[in-house]
Amino acid sequence: MSKRLLPLALAAMPLAAFGQDCVPSEALWAKPRSGAAILADSGLRGCVLPLLNNTQAVLTLRHTPDEEGVSRAEDLRWWLVALGLDPDRIRLAASAGDARPLILELTEPK
């Protein structure tokens, strides 16, 4: 897909509601990542696109406390910052209550 068509294709896809969790696909971690791969991931798109479009939104990356969860959260945070997001809007939080290594939670401050 050309670089000019990617934003149009992503804009046409449904967005998650605030408060709905997003989970990156396992395929994302199996290949080298890029900004385009982050935006195109079906598990991330529902939280990342609204974050890009709403300057008040905050994204919390809830990760397992093990090495895999921390590594995935830090890697994803780095890519989101590389996409131009303010690092202060992306929070990392350890969460032992879920077996999934990484869950994204999008919230809008009141």
PDB file of N, CA and C in Angstrom:
ATOM      1  N   MET A   1       0.853  -1.173   0.000  1.00  0.00           N
ATOM      2  CA  MET A   1       0.000   0.000   0.000  1.00  0.00           C
ATOM      3  C   MET A   1       0.902   1.241   0.000  1.00  0.00           C
ATOM      4  N   SER A   2       0.583   2.203  -0.825  1.00  0.00           N
ATOM      5  CA  SER A   2       1.424   3.386  -0.895  1.00  0.00           C
ATOM      6  C   SER A   2       1.269   4.230   0.366  1.00  0.00           C
ATOM      7  N   LYS A   3       2.261   5.065   0.616  1.00  0.00           N
ATOM      8  CA  LYS A   3       2.248   5.900   1.817  1.00  0.00           C
ATOM      9  C   LYS A   3       1.088   6.889   1.792  1.00  0.00           C
ATOM     10  N   ARG A   4       0.631   7.278   0.615  1.00  0.00           N
ATOM     11  CA  ARG A   4      -0.474   8.222   0.530  1.00  0.00           C
ATOM     12  C   ARG A   4      -1.816   7.561   0.807  1.00  0.00           C
ATOM     13  N   LEU A   5      -1.935   6.288   0.513  1.00  0.00           N
ATOM     14  CA  LEU A   5      -3.204   5.596   0.722  1.00  0.00           C
ATOM     15  C   LEU A   5      -3.374   5.090   2.146  1.00  0.00           C
ATOM     16  N   LEU A   6      -2.280   4.865   2.865  1.00  0.00           N
ATOM     17  CA  LEU A   6      -2.361   4.326   4.221  1.00  0.00           C
ATOM     18  C   LEU A   6      -3.217   5.189   5.142  1.00  0.00           C
ATOM     19  N   PRO A   7      -3.002   6.516   5.214  1.00  0.00           N
ATOM     20  CA  PRO A   7      -3.856   7.312   6.109  1.00  0.00           C
ATOM     21  C   PRO A   7      -5.337   7.252   5.732  1.00  0.00           C
ATOM     22  N   LEU A   8      -5.648   7.204   4.444  1.00  0.00           N
ATOM     23  CA  LEU A   8      -7.043   7.119   4.023  1.00  0.00           C
ATOM     24  C   LEU A   8      -7.652   5.774   4.408  1.00  0.00           C
ATOM     25  N   ALA A   9      -6.900   4.722   4.239  1.00  0.00           N
ATOM     26  CA  ALA A   9      -7.404   3.396   4.599  1.00  0.00           C
ATOM     27  C   ALA A   9      -7.615   3.286   6.099  1.00  0.00           C
ATOM     28  N   LEU A  10      -6.697   3.824   6.865  1.00  0.00           N
ATOM     29  CA  LEU A  10      -6.822   3.767   8.319  1.00  0.00           C
ATOM     30  C   LEU A  10      -7.981   4.624   8.812  1.00  0.00           C
ATOM     31  N   ALA A  11      -8.195   5.766   8.176  1.00  0.00           N
ATOM     32  CA  ALA A  11      -9.277   6.657   8.590  1.00  0.00           C
ATOM     33  C   ALA A  11     -10.646   6.022   8.345  1.00  0.00           C
ATOM     34  N   ALA A  12     -10.737   5.141   7.385  1.00  0.00           N
ATOM     35  CA  ALA A  12     -12.014   4.512   7.063  1.00  0.00           C
ATOM     36  C   ALA A  12     -12.361   3.357   8.000  1.00  0.00           C
ATOM     37  N   MET A  13     -11.417   2.929   8.819  1.00  0.00           N
ATOM     38  CA  MET A  13     -11.651   1.794   9.706  1.00  0.00           C
ATOM     39  C   MET A  13     -12.296   2.247  11.002  1.00  0.00           C
ATOM     40  N   PRO A  14     -13.095   1.376  11.621  1.00  0.00           N
ATOM     41  CA  PRO A  14     -13.779   1.763  12.852  1.00  0.00           C
ATOM     42  C   PRO A  14     -12.796   1.999  13.995  1.00  0.00           C
ATOM     43  N   LEU A  15     -13.176   2.896  14.884  1.00  0.00           N
ATOM     44  CA  LEU A  15     -12.346   3.242  16.030  1.00  0.00           C
ATOM     45  C   LEU A  15     -12.972   2.703  17.304  1.00  0.00           C
ATOM     46  N   ALA A  16     -12.124   2.404  18.268  1.00  0.00           N
ATOM     47  CA  ALA A  16     -12.612   1.923  19.564  1.00  0.00           C
ATOM     48  C   ALA A  16     -13.174   3.087  20.364  1.00  0.00           C
ATOM     49  N   ALA A  17     -14.122   2.774  21.191  1.00  0.00           N
ATOM     50  CA  ALA A  17     -14.650   3.783  22.100  1.00  0.00           C
ATOM     51  C   ALA A  17     -13.676   3.954  23.251  1.00  0.00           C
ATOM     52  N   PHE A  18     -13.683   5.133  23.868  1.00  0.00           N
ATOM     53  CA  PHE A  18     -12.828   5.348  25.022  1.00  0.00           C
ATOM     54  C   PHE A  18     -13.205   4.351  26.107  1.00  0.00           C
ATOM     55  N   GLY A  19     -12.213   3.845  26.776  1.00  0.00           N
ATOM     56  CA  GLY A  19     -12.443   2.874  27.830  1.00  0.00           C
ATOM     57  C   GLY A  19     -12.413   1.436  27.336  1.00  0.00           C
ATOM     58  N   GLN A  20     -12.402   1.237  26.023  1.00  0.00           N
ATOM     59  CA  GLN A  20     -12.325  -0.107  25.462  1.00  0.00           C
ATOM     60  C   GLN A  20     -10.852  -0.492  25.328  1.00  0.00           C
ATOM     61  N   ASP A  21     -10.508  -1.700  25.730  1.00  0.00           N
ATOM     62  CA  ASP A  21      -9.124  -2.152  25.653  1.00  0.00           C
ATOM     63  C   ASP A  21      -8.766  -2.614  24.250  1.00  0.00           C
ATOM     64  N   CYS A  22      -7.489  -2.492  23.914  1.00  0.00           N
ATOM     65  CA  CYS A  22      -6.950  -2.984  22.652  1.00  0.00           C
ATOM     66  C   CYS A  22      -5.785  -3.913  22.977  1.00  0.00           C
ATOM     67  N   VAL A  23      -5.628  -4.950  22.179  1.00  0.00           N
ATOM     68  CA  VAL A  23      -4.554  -5.907  22.377  1.00  0.00           C
ATOM     69  C   VAL A  23      -3.813  -6.065  21.059  1.00  0.00           C
ATOM     70  N   PRO A  24      -2.502  -5.790  21.053  1.00  0.00           N
ATOM     71  CA  PRO A  24      -1.737  -5.959  19.807  1.00  0.00           C
ATOM     72  C   PRO A  24      -1.790  -7.409  19.335  1.00  0.00           C
ATOM     73  N   SER A  25      -1.792  -7.593  18.026  1.00  0.00           N
ATOM     74  CA  SER A  25      -1.781  -8.949  17.485  1.00  0.00           C
ATOM     75  C   SER A  25      -0.417  -9.588  17.732  1.00  0.00           C
ATOM     76  N   GLU A  26      -0.410 -10.896  17.849  1.00  0.00           N
ATOM     77  CA  GLU A  26       0.858 -11.617  18.034  1.00  0.00           C
ATOM     78  C   GLU A  26       1.746 -11.457  16.811  1.00  0.00           C
ATOM     79  N   ALA A  27       1.150 -11.285  15.633  1.00  0.00           N
ATOM     80  CA  ALA A  27       1.922 -11.119  14.399  1.00  0.00           C
ATOM     81  C   ALA A  27       2.805  -9.875  14.455  1.00  0.00           C
ATOM     82  N   LEU A  28       2.391  -8.850  15.194  1.00  0.00           N
ATOM     83  CA  LEU A  28       3.178  -7.621  15.302  1.00  0.00           C
ATOM     84  C   LEU A  28       4.564  -7.890  15.861  1.00  0.00           C
ATOM     85  N   TRP A  29       4.649  -8.799  16.814  1.00  0.00           N
ATOM     86  CA  TRP A  29       5.925  -9.069  17.485  1.00  0.00           C
ATOM     87  C   TRP A  29       6.799 -10.044  16.714  1.00  0.00           C
ATOM     88  N   ALA A  30       6.229 -10.709  15.694  1.00  0.00           N
ATOM     89  CA  ALA A  30       6.961 -11.721  14.944  1.00  0.00           C
ATOM     90  C   ALA A  30       7.774 -11.144  13.787  1.00  0.00           C
ATOM     91  N   LYS A  31       7.659  -9.868  13.553  1.00  0.00           N
ATOM     92  CA  LYS A  31       8.361  -9.248  12.425  1.00  0.00           C
ATOM     93  C   LYS A  31       8.924  -7.897  12.860  1.00  0.00           C
ATOM     94  N   PRO A  32       9.845  -7.348  12.082  1.00  0.00           N
ATOM     95  CA  PRO A  32      10.355  -6.008  12.426  1.00  0.00           C
ATOM     96  C   PRO A  32       9.212  -4.990  12.400  1.00  0.00           C
ATOM     97  N   ARG A  33       9.232  -4.093  13.353  1.00  0.00           N
ATOM     98  CA  ARG A  33       8.175  -3.098  13.440  1.00  0.00           C
ATOM     99  C   ARG A  33       8.581  -1.797  12.750  1.00  0.00           C
ATOM    100  N   SER A  34       7.556  -1.048  12.371  1.00  0.00           N
ATOM    101  CA  SER A  34       7.717   0.277  11.778  1.00  0.00           C
ATOM    102  C   SER A  34       6.508   1.087  12.198  1.00  0.00           C
ATOM    103  N   GLY A  35       6.547   2.375  11.954  1.00  0.00           N
ATOM    104  CA  GLY A  35       5.392   3.211  12.260  1.00  0.00           C
ATOM    105  C   GLY A  35       4.161   2.747  11.496  1.00  0.00           C
ATOM    106  N   ALA A  36       4.341   2.388  10.231  1.00  0.00           N
ATOM    107  CA  ALA A  36       3.216   1.925   9.421  1.00  0.00           C
ATOM    108  C   ALA A  36       2.660   0.607   9.962  1.00  0.00           C
ATOM    109  N   ALA A  37       3.534  -0.281  10.431  1.00  0.00           N
ATOM    110  CA  ALA A  37       3.076  -1.561  10.985  1.00  0.00           C
ATOM    111  C   ALA A  37       2.276  -1.343  12.263  1.00  0.00           C
ATOM    112  N   ILE A  38       2.695  -0.382  13.079  1.00  0.00           N
ATOM    113  CA  ILE A  38       1.976  -0.073  14.318  1.00  0.00           C
ATOM    114  C   ILE A  38       0.574   0.443  13.976  1.00  0.00           C
ATOM    115  N   LEU A  39       0.487   1.357  13.029  1.00  0.00           N
ATOM    116  CA  LEU A  39      -0.811   1.927  12.655  1.00  0.00           C
ATOM    117  C   LEU A  39      -1.718   0.921  11.958  1.00  0.00           C
ATOM    118  N   ALA A  40      -1.121  -0.042  11.265  1.00  0.00           N
ATOM    119  CA  ALA A  40      -1.908  -1.010  10.510  1.00  0.00           C
ATOM    120  C   ALA A  40      -2.335  -2.218  11.337  1.00  0.00           C
ATOM    121  N   ASP A  41      -1.752  -2.411  12.514  1.00  0.00           N
ATOM    122  CA  ASP A  41      -2.084  -3.583  13.318  1.00  0.00           C
ATOM    123  C   ASP A  41      -3.541  -3.518  13.769  1.00  0.00           C
ATOM    124  N   SER A  42      -4.291  -4.553  13.456  1.00  0.00           N
ATOM    125  CA  SER A  42      -5.723  -4.557  13.771  1.00  0.00           C
ATOM    126  C   SER A  42      -5.987  -4.490  15.272  1.00  0.00           C
ATOM    127  N   GLY A  43      -5.085  -5.015  16.077  1.00  0.00           N
ATOM    128  CA  GLY A  43      -5.264  -4.966  17.519  1.00  0.00           C
ATOM    129  C   GLY A  43      -4.961  -3.617  18.135  1.00  0.00           C
ATOM    130  N   LEU A  44      -4.150  -2.811  17.471  1.00  0.00           N
ATOM    131  CA  LEU A  44      -3.754  -1.499  17.999  1.00  0.00           C
ATOM    132  C   LEU A  44      -4.576  -0.349  17.442  1.00  0.00           C
ATOM    133  N   ARG A  45      -5.022  -0.508  16.240  1.00  0.00           N
ATOM    134  CA  ARG A  45      -5.665   0.592  15.504  1.00  0.00           C
ATOM    135  C   ARG A  45      -6.790   1.258  16.290  1.00  0.00           C
ATOM    136  N   GLY A  46      -7.595   0.477  16.994  1.00  0.00           N
ATOM    137  CA  GLY A  46      -8.733   1.025  17.724  1.00  0.00           C
ATOM    138  C   GLY A  46      -8.361   1.958  18.855  1.00  0.00           C
ATOM    139  N   CYS A  47      -7.137   1.869  19.363  1.00  0.00           N
ATOM    140  CA  CYS A  47      -6.690   2.772  20.433  1.00  0.00           C
ATOM    141  C   CYS A  47      -5.721   3.841  19.932  1.00  0.00           C
ATOM    142  N   VAL A  48      -4.902   3.498  18.941  1.00  0.00           N
ATOM    143  CA  VAL A  48      -3.880   4.436  18.481  1.00  0.00           C
ATOM    144  C   VAL A  48      -4.472   5.560  17.645  1.00  0.00           C
ATOM    145  N   LEU A  49      -5.393   5.249  16.737  1.00  0.00           N
ATOM    146  CA  LEU A  49      -5.965   6.309  15.892  1.00  0.00           C
ATOM    147  C   LEU A  49      -6.734   7.350  16.700  1.00  0.00           C
ATOM    148  N   PRO A  50      -7.589   6.962  17.657  1.00  0.00           N
ATOM    149  CA  PRO A  50      -8.241   7.982  18.471  1.00  0.00           C
ATOM    150  C   PRO A  50      -7.235   8.797  19.291  1.00  0.00           C
ATOM    151  N   LEU A  51      -6.160   8.169  19.707  1.00  0.00           N
ATOM    152  CA  LEU A  51      -5.119   8.886  20.447  1.00  0.00           C
ATOM    153  C   LEU A  51      -4.471   9.946  19.564  1.00  0.00           C
ATOM    154  N   LEU A  52      -4.227   9.607  18.308  1.00  0.00           N
ATOM    155  CA  LEU A  52      -3.653  10.567  17.360  1.00  0.00           C
ATOM    156  C   LEU A  52      -4.603  11.723  17.082  1.00  0.00           C
ATOM    157  N   ASN A  53      -5.907  11.449  17.129  1.00  0.00           N
ATOM    158  CA  ASN A  53      -6.907  12.461  16.773  1.00  0.00           C
ATOM    159  C   ASN A  53      -7.426  13.275  17.949  1.00  0.00           C
ATOM    160  N   ASN A  54      -7.103  12.899  19.170  1.00  0.00           N
ATOM    161  CA  ASN A  54      -7.610  13.595  20.351  1.00  0.00           C
ATOM    162  C   ASN A  54      -6.432  13.966  21.252  1.00  0.00           C
ATOM    163  N   THR A  55      -6.132  15.251  21.316  1.00  0.00           N
ATOM    164  CA  THR A  55      -4.957  15.698  22.078  1.00  0.00           C
ATOM    165  C   THR A  55      -5.140  15.575  23.589  1.00  0.00           C
ATOM    166  N   GLN A  56      -6.345  15.300  24.047  1.00  0.00           N
ATOM    167  CA  GLN A  56      -6.589  15.129  25.484  1.00  0.00           C
ATOM    168  C   GLN A  56      -6.524  13.669  25.924  1.00  0.00           C
ATOM    169  N   ALA A  57      -6.560  12.754  24.980  1.00  0.00           N
ATOM    170  CA  ALA A  57      -6.591  11.321  25.301  1.00  0.00           C
ATOM    171  C   ALA A  57      -5.249  10.866  25.870  1.00  0.00           C
ATOM    172  N   VAL A  58      -5.327   9.838  26.707  1.00  0.00           N
ATOM    173  CA  VAL A  58      -4.153   9.238  27.337  1.00  0.00           C
ATOM    174  C   VAL A  58      -4.204   7.739  27.084  1.00  0.00           C
ATOM    175  N   LEU A  59      -3.062   7.163  26.781  1.00  0.00           N
ATOM    176  CA  LEU A  59      -2.982   5.728  26.533  1.00  0.00           C
ATOM    177  C   LEU A  59      -2.144   5.090  27.630  1.00  0.00           C
ATOM    178  N   THR A  60      -2.715   4.098  28.303  1.00  0.00           N
ATOM    179  CA  THR A  60      -1.981   3.350  29.317  1.00  0.00           C
ATOM    180  C   THR A  60      -1.650   1.985  28.742  1.00  0.00           C
ATOM    181  N   LEU A  61      -0.374   1.643  28.768  1.00  0.00           N
ATOM    182  CA  LEU A  61       0.086   0.341  28.310  1.00  0.00           C
ATOM    183  C   LEU A  61       0.221  -0.541  29.540  1.00  0.00           C
ATOM    184  N   ARG A  62      -0.769  -1.400  29.754  1.00  0.00           N
ATOM    185  CA  ARG A  62      -0.750  -2.307  30.904  1.00  0.00           C
ATOM    186  C   ARG A  62      -0.035  -3.579  30.482  1.00  0.00           C
ATOM    187  N   HIS A  63       1.033  -3.894  31.186  1.00  0.00           N
ATOM    188  CA  HIS A  63       1.864  -5.029  30.794  1.00  0.00           C
ATOM    189  C   HIS A  63       2.103  -5.958  31.976  1.00  0.00           C
ATOM    190  N   THR A  64       2.385  -7.198  31.655  1.00  0.00           N
ATOM    191  CA  THR A  64       2.749  -8.143  32.698  1.00  0.00           C
ATOM    192  C   THR A  64       4.106  -7.726  33.254  1.00  0.00           C
ATOM    193  N   PRO A  65       4.387  -8.045  34.515  1.00  0.00           N
ATOM    194  CA  PRO A  65       5.644  -7.598  35.124  1.00  0.00           C
ATOM    195  C   PRO A  65       6.875  -8.386  34.671  1.00  0.00           C
ATOM    196  N   ASP A  66       6.671  -9.397  33.821  1.00  0.00           N
ATOM    197  CA  ASP A  66       7.825 -10.172  33.363  1.00  0.00           C
ATOM    198  C   ASP A  66       8.566  -9.438  32.248  1.00  0.00           C
ATOM    199  N   GLU A  67       9.696 -10.008  31.841  1.00  0.00           N
ATOM    200  CA  GLU A  67      10.552  -9.368  30.843  1.00  0.00           C
ATOM    201  C   GLU A  67       9.834  -9.149  29.514  1.00  0.00           C
ATOM    202  N   GLU A  68       9.047 -10.120  29.081  1.00  0.00           N
ATOM    203  CA  GLU A  68       8.340  -9.999  27.804  1.00  0.00           C
ATOM    204  C   GLU A  68       7.346  -8.842  27.821  1.00  0.00           C
ATOM    205  N   GLY A  69       6.555  -8.748  28.875  1.00  0.00           N
ATOM    206  CA  GLY A  69       5.567  -7.682  28.960  1.00  0.00           C
ATOM    207  C   GLY A  69       6.198  -6.301  29.013  1.00  0.00           C
ATOM    208  N   VAL A  70       7.239  -6.160  29.818  1.00  0.00           N
ATOM    209  CA  VAL A  70       7.934  -4.870  29.930  1.00  0.00           C
ATOM    210  C   VAL A  70       8.560  -4.503  28.590  1.00  0.00           C
ATOM    211  N   SER A  71       9.207  -5.468  27.947  1.00  0.00           N
ATOM    212  CA  SER A  71       9.866  -5.215  26.663  1.00  0.00           C
ATOM    213  C   SER A  71       8.864  -4.782  25.594  1.00  0.00           C
ATOM    214  N   ARG A  72       7.732  -5.464  25.521  1.00  0.00           N
ATOM    215  CA  ARG A  72       6.714  -5.092  24.530  1.00  0.00           C
ATOM    216  C   ARG A  72       6.160  -3.698  24.802  1.00  0.00           C
ATOM    217  N   ALA A  73       5.901  -3.380  26.050  1.00  0.00           N
ATOM    218  CA  ALA A  73       5.366  -2.063  26.394  1.00  0.00           C
ATOM    219  C   ALA A  73       6.362  -0.959  26.050  1.00  0.00           C
ATOM    220  N   GLU A  74       7.615  -1.153  26.392  1.00  0.00           N
ATOM    221  CA  GLU A  74       8.628  -0.133  26.104  1.00  0.00           C
ATOM    222  C   GLU A  74       8.835   0.025  24.605  1.00  0.00           C
ATOM    223  N   ASP A  75       8.837  -1.088  23.869  1.00  0.00           N
ATOM    224  CA  ASP A  75       9.002  -1.033  22.415  1.00  0.00           C
ATOM    225  C   ASP A  75       7.838  -0.281  21.762  1.00  0.00           C
ATOM    226  N   LEU A  76       6.627  -0.621  22.165  1.00  0.00           N
ATOM    227  CA  LEU A  76       5.463   0.051  21.585  1.00  0.00           C
ATOM    228  C   LEU A  76       5.450   1.536  21.945  1.00  0.00           C
ATOM    229  N   ARG A  77       5.791   1.863  23.165  1.00  0.00           N
ATOM    230  CA  ARG A  77       5.839   3.274  23.571  1.00  0.00           C
ATOM    231  C   ARG A  77       6.826   4.043  22.699  1.00  0.00           C
ATOM    232  N   TRP A  78       7.982   3.446  22.456  1.00  0.00           N
ATOM    233  CA  TRP A  78       8.991   4.097  21.614  1.00  0.00           C
ATOM    234  C   TRP A  78       8.423   4.365  20.221  1.00  0.00           C
ATOM    235  N   TRP A  79       7.734   3.385  19.630  1.00  0.00           N
ATOM    236  CA  TRP A  79       7.169   3.578  18.302  1.00  0.00           C
ATOM    237  C   TRP A  79       6.080   4.645  18.294  1.00  0.00           C
ATOM    238  N   LEU A  80       5.271   4.698  19.326  1.00  0.00           N
ATOM    239  CA  LEU A  80       4.230   5.726  19.391  1.00  0.00           C
ATOM    240  C   LEU A  80       4.830   7.119  19.503  1.00  0.00           C
ATOM    241  N   VAL A  81       5.898   7.255  20.261  1.00  0.00           N
ATOM    242  CA  VAL A  81       6.591   8.543  20.360  1.00  0.00           C
ATOM    243  C   VAL A  81       7.216   8.899  19.003  1.00  0.00           C
ATOM    244  N   ALA A  82       7.765   7.901  18.313  1.00  0.00           N
ATOM    245  CA  ALA A  82       8.340   8.130  16.985  1.00  0.00           C
ATOM    246  C   ALA A  82       7.277   8.581  15.985  1.00  0.00           C
ATOM    247  N   LEU A  83       6.026   8.185  16.216  1.00  0.00           N
ATOM    248  CA  LEU A  83       4.924   8.630  15.353  1.00  0.00           C
ATOM    249  C   LEU A  83       4.488  10.061  15.670  1.00  0.00           C
ATOM    250  N   GLY A  84       5.079  10.655  16.691  1.00  0.00           N
ATOM    251  CA  GLY A  84       4.785  12.051  17.016  1.00  0.00           C
ATOM    252  C   GLY A  84       3.913  12.256  18.228  1.00  0.00           C
ATOM    253  N   LEU A  85       3.605  11.201  18.950  1.00  0.00           N
ATOM    254  CA  LEU A  85       2.788  11.358  20.156  1.00  0.00           C
ATOM    255  C   LEU A  85       3.626  11.878  21.313  1.00  0.00           C
ATOM    256  N   ASP A  86       3.022  12.708  22.115  1.00  0.00           N
ATOM    257  CA  ASP A  86       3.672  13.259  23.301  1.00  0.00           C
ATOM    258  C   ASP A  86       3.928  12.119  24.289  1.00  0.00           C
ATOM    259  N   PRO A  87       5.181  11.909  24.706  1.00  0.00           N
ATOM    260  CA  PRO A  87       5.472  10.809  25.635  1.00  0.00           C
ATOM    261  C   PRO A  87       4.711  10.905  26.950  1.00  0.00           C
ATOM    262  N   ASP A  88       4.301  12.105  27.346  1.00  0.00           N
ATOM    263  CA  ASP A  88       3.549  12.268  28.590  1.00  0.00           C
ATOM    264  C   ASP A  88       2.132  11.704  28.489  1.00  0.00           C
ATOM    265  N   ARG A  89       1.672  11.426  27.267  1.00  0.00           N
ATOM    266  CA  ARG A  89       0.325  10.875  27.063  1.00  0.00           C
ATOM    267  C   ARG A  89       0.324   9.353  26.986  1.00  0.00           C
ATOM    268  N   ILE A  90       1.500   8.748  27.134  1.00  0.00           N
ATOM    269  CA  ILE A  90       1.629   7.290  27.052  1.00  0.00           C
ATOM    270  C   ILE A  90       2.229   6.804  28.358  1.00  0.00           C
ATOM    271  N   ARG A  91       1.434   6.075  29.111  1.00  0.00           N
ATOM    272  CA  ARG A  91       1.877   5.620  30.437  1.00  0.00           C
ATOM    273  C   ARG A  91       2.096   4.115  30.428  1.00  0.00           C
ATOM    274  N   LEU A  92       3.077   3.673  31.180  1.00  0.00           N
ATOM    275  CA  LEU A  92       3.329   2.245  31.373  1.00  0.00           C
ATOM    276  C   LEU A  92       2.862   1.870  32.768  1.00  0.00           C
ATOM    277  N   ALA A  93       2.194   0.724  32.879  1.00  0.00           N
ATOM    278  CA  ALA A  93       1.716   0.268  34.183  1.00  0.00           C
ATOM    279  C   ALA A  93       1.768  -1.249  34.234  1.00  0.00           C
ATOM    280  N   ALA A  94       2.473  -1.774  35.237  1.00  0.00           N
ATOM    281  CA  ALA A  94       2.527  -3.224  35.421  1.00  0.00           C
ATOM    282  C   ALA A  94       1.174  -3.713  35.920  1.00  0.00           C
ATOM    283  N   SER A  95       0.746  -4.842  35.378  1.00  0.00           N
ATOM    284  CA  SER A  95      -0.541  -5.420  35.762  1.00  0.00           C
ATOM    285  C   SER A  95      -0.405  -6.930  35.755  1.00  0.00           C
ATOM    286  N   ALA A  96      -0.490  -7.534  36.903  1.00  0.00           N
ATOM    287  CA  ALA A  96      -0.323  -8.982  37.008  1.00  0.00           C
ATOM    288  C   ALA A  96      -1.632  -9.728  36.856  1.00  0.00           C
ATOM    289  N   GLY A  97      -2.740  -9.023  36.695  1.00  0.00           N
ATOM    290  CA  GLY A  97      -4.048  -9.657  36.674  1.00  0.00           C
ATOM    291  C   GLY A  97      -4.469 -10.261  35.345  1.00  0.00           C
ATOM    292  N   ASP A  98      -3.685 -10.146  34.301  1.00  0.00           N
ATOM    293  CA  ASP A  98      -4.060 -10.639  32.987  1.00  0.00           C
ATOM    294  C   ASP A  98      -2.904 -11.436  32.403  1.00  0.00           C
ATOM    295  N   ALA A  99      -3.190 -12.510  31.715  1.00  0.00           N
ATOM    296  CA  ALA A  99      -2.144 -13.350  31.135  1.00  0.00           C
ATOM    297  C   ALA A  99      -1.574 -12.756  29.845  1.00  0.00           C
ATOM    298  N   ARG A 100      -2.306 -11.823  29.232  1.00  0.00           N
ATOM    299  CA  ARG A 100      -1.804 -11.215  27.993  1.00  0.00           C
ATOM    300  C   ARG A 100      -0.649 -10.276  28.332  1.00  0.00           C
ATOM    301  N   PRO A 101       0.462 -10.347  27.581  1.00  0.00           N
ATOM    302  CA  PRO A 101       1.633  -9.525  27.911  1.00  0.00           C
ATOM    303  C   PRO A 101       1.395  -8.019  27.851  1.00  0.00           C
ATOM    304  N   LEU A 102       0.459  -7.572  26.979  1.00  0.00           N
ATOM    305  CA  LEU A 102       0.262  -6.133  26.807  1.00  0.00           C
ATOM    306  C   LEU A 102      -1.185  -5.836  26.432  1.00  0.00           C
ATOM    307  N   ILE A 103      -1.783  -4.874  27.146  1.00  0.00           N
ATOM    308  CA  ILE A 103      -3.136  -4.402  26.875  1.00  0.00           C
ATOM    309  C   ILE A 103      -3.087  -2.882  26.861  1.00  0.00           C
ATOM    310  N   LEU A 104      -3.722  -2.266  25.871  1.00  0.00           N
ATOM    311  CA  LEU A 104      -3.769  -0.818  25.772  1.00  0.00           C
ATOM    312  C   LEU A 104      -5.124  -0.332  26.258  1.00  0.00           C
ATOM    313  N   GLU A 105      -5.096   0.686  27.085  1.00  0.00           N
ATOM    314  CA  GLU A 105      -6.331   1.276  27.618  1.00  0.00           C
ATOM    315  C   GLU A 105      -6.330   2.757  27.277  1.00  0.00           C
ATOM    316  N   LEU A 106      -7.298   3.180  26.477  1.00  0.00           N
ATOM    317  CA  LEU A 106      -7.411   4.566  26.044  1.00  0.00           C
ATOM    318  C   LEU A 106      -8.423   5.283  26.915  1.00  0.00           C
ATOM    319  N   THR A 107      -8.028   6.395  27.491  1.00  0.00           N
ATOM    320  CA  THR A 107      -8.940   7.173  28.320  1.00  0.00           C
ATOM    321  C   THR A 107      -8.880   8.638  27.905  1.00  0.00           C
ATOM    322  N   GLU A 108      -9.943   9.326  28.209  1.00  0.00           N
ATOM    323  CA  GLU A 108     -10.016  10.761  27.934  1.00  0.00           C
ATOM    324  C   GLU A 108     -10.199  11.473  29.269  1.00  0.00           C
ATOM    325  N   PRO A 109      -9.265  12.360  29.626  1.00  0.00           N
ATOM    326  CA  PRO A 109      -9.398  13.074  30.906  1.00  0.00           C
ATOM    327  C   PRO A 109     -10.703  13.840  30.965  1.00  0.00           C
ATOM    328  N   LYS A 110     -11.236  13.904  32.160  1.00  0.00           N
ATOM    329  CA  LYS A 110     -12.521  14.604  32.366  1.00  0.00           C
ATOM    330  C   LYS A 110     -12.305  16.069  32.561  1.00  0.00           C
TER     331      LYS A 110
END
